[in-house]
Protein backbone atom coordinates (compact mmCIF):
# COMPACT_ATOMS: atom_id res chain seq x y z
CA MET A 1 -62.05 54.67 -32.52
CA ALA A 2 -62.37 55.86 -28.92
CA VAL A 3 -65.73 57.50 -29.58
CA GLY A 4 -67.08 54.22 -30.89
CA LEU A 5 -65.96 52.40 -27.76
CA ILE A 6 -67.56 55.02 -25.51
CA GLU A 7 -70.84 54.86 -27.44
CA PHE A 8 -70.78 51.07 -27.21
CA ALA A 9 -70.08 51.13 -23.47
CA ILE A 10 -72.92 53.61 -22.82
CA SER A 11 -75.49 52.11 -25.18
CA GLY A 12 -75.90 48.89 -23.18
CA PRO A 13 -76.98 50.47 -19.88
CA VAL A 14 -79.10 53.08 -21.67
CA GLN A 15 -80.93 50.42 -23.65
CA GLN A 16 -81.46 48.40 -20.46
CA ALA A 17 -82.86 51.43 -18.63
CA THR A 18 -85.12 52.27 -21.57
CA ALA A 19 -86.44 48.72 -21.75
CA SER A 20 -87.06 48.71 -17.99
CA ALA A 21 -88.94 52.01 -18.16
CA LEU A 22 -91.08 50.74 -21.03
CA LEU A 23 -91.93 47.54 -19.17
CA ALA A 24 -92.78 49.45 -15.99
CA GLY A 25 -95.03 51.81 -17.96
CA ALA A 26 -96.76 48.95 -19.71
CA ALA A 27 -97.34 47.17 -16.39
CA MET A 28 -98.85 50.33 -14.87
CA LEU A 29 -101.16 50.77 -17.86
CA ILE A 30 -102.34 47.17 -17.52
CA LEU A 31 -102.95 47.63 -13.78
CA VAL A 32 -104.90 50.86 -14.29
CA GLY A 33 -106.93 49.24 -17.06
CA ALA A 34 -107.75 46.27 -14.86
CA ALA A 35 -108.73 48.63 -12.02
CA LEU A 36 -111.02 50.54 -14.37
CA VAL A 37 -112.70 47.38 -15.65
CA THR A 38 -113.25 45.91 -12.19
CA GLY A 39 -114.47 49.17 -10.63
CA LEU A 40 -111.55 49.32 -8.22
CA TRP A 41 -110.46 52.64 -9.74
CA GLY A 42 -113.67 54.33 -8.64
CA GLU A 43 -113.28 53.00 -5.11
CA LEU A 44 -109.67 54.17 -4.96
CA THR A 45 -110.52 57.66 -6.13
CA ALA A 46 -113.42 57.82 -3.66
CA VAL A 47 -111.06 56.89 -0.81
CA LEU A 48 -108.47 59.46 -1.89
CA ARG A 49 -110.98 62.29 -2.34
CA GLY A 50 -110.99 63.09 1.38
CA PRO A 51 -107.24 63.53 1.95
CA ILE A 52 -106.71 65.23 -1.42
CA SER A 53 -109.56 67.73 -0.98
CA GLY A 54 -107.59 69.66 1.64
CA PHE A 55 -104.58 70.11 -0.64
CA GLU A 56 -103.84 73.64 -1.84
CA THR A 57 -101.16 74.56 -4.30
CA PRO A 58 -98.39 76.76 -2.86
CA ILE A 59 -98.65 79.35 -5.65
């Protein structure tokens, strides 16, 4: 009986967090897709090439 109550109490917040993560991921995919279609993605990567080119991995 107690295990069922614990599972019920935990399942609500977990389901809410999962739904939020799925919605955030879907929104990011839509934004990246729109950036690719409009050509904004190429401009963004061109702008970031300069600062990123100096990055070296620590290992």
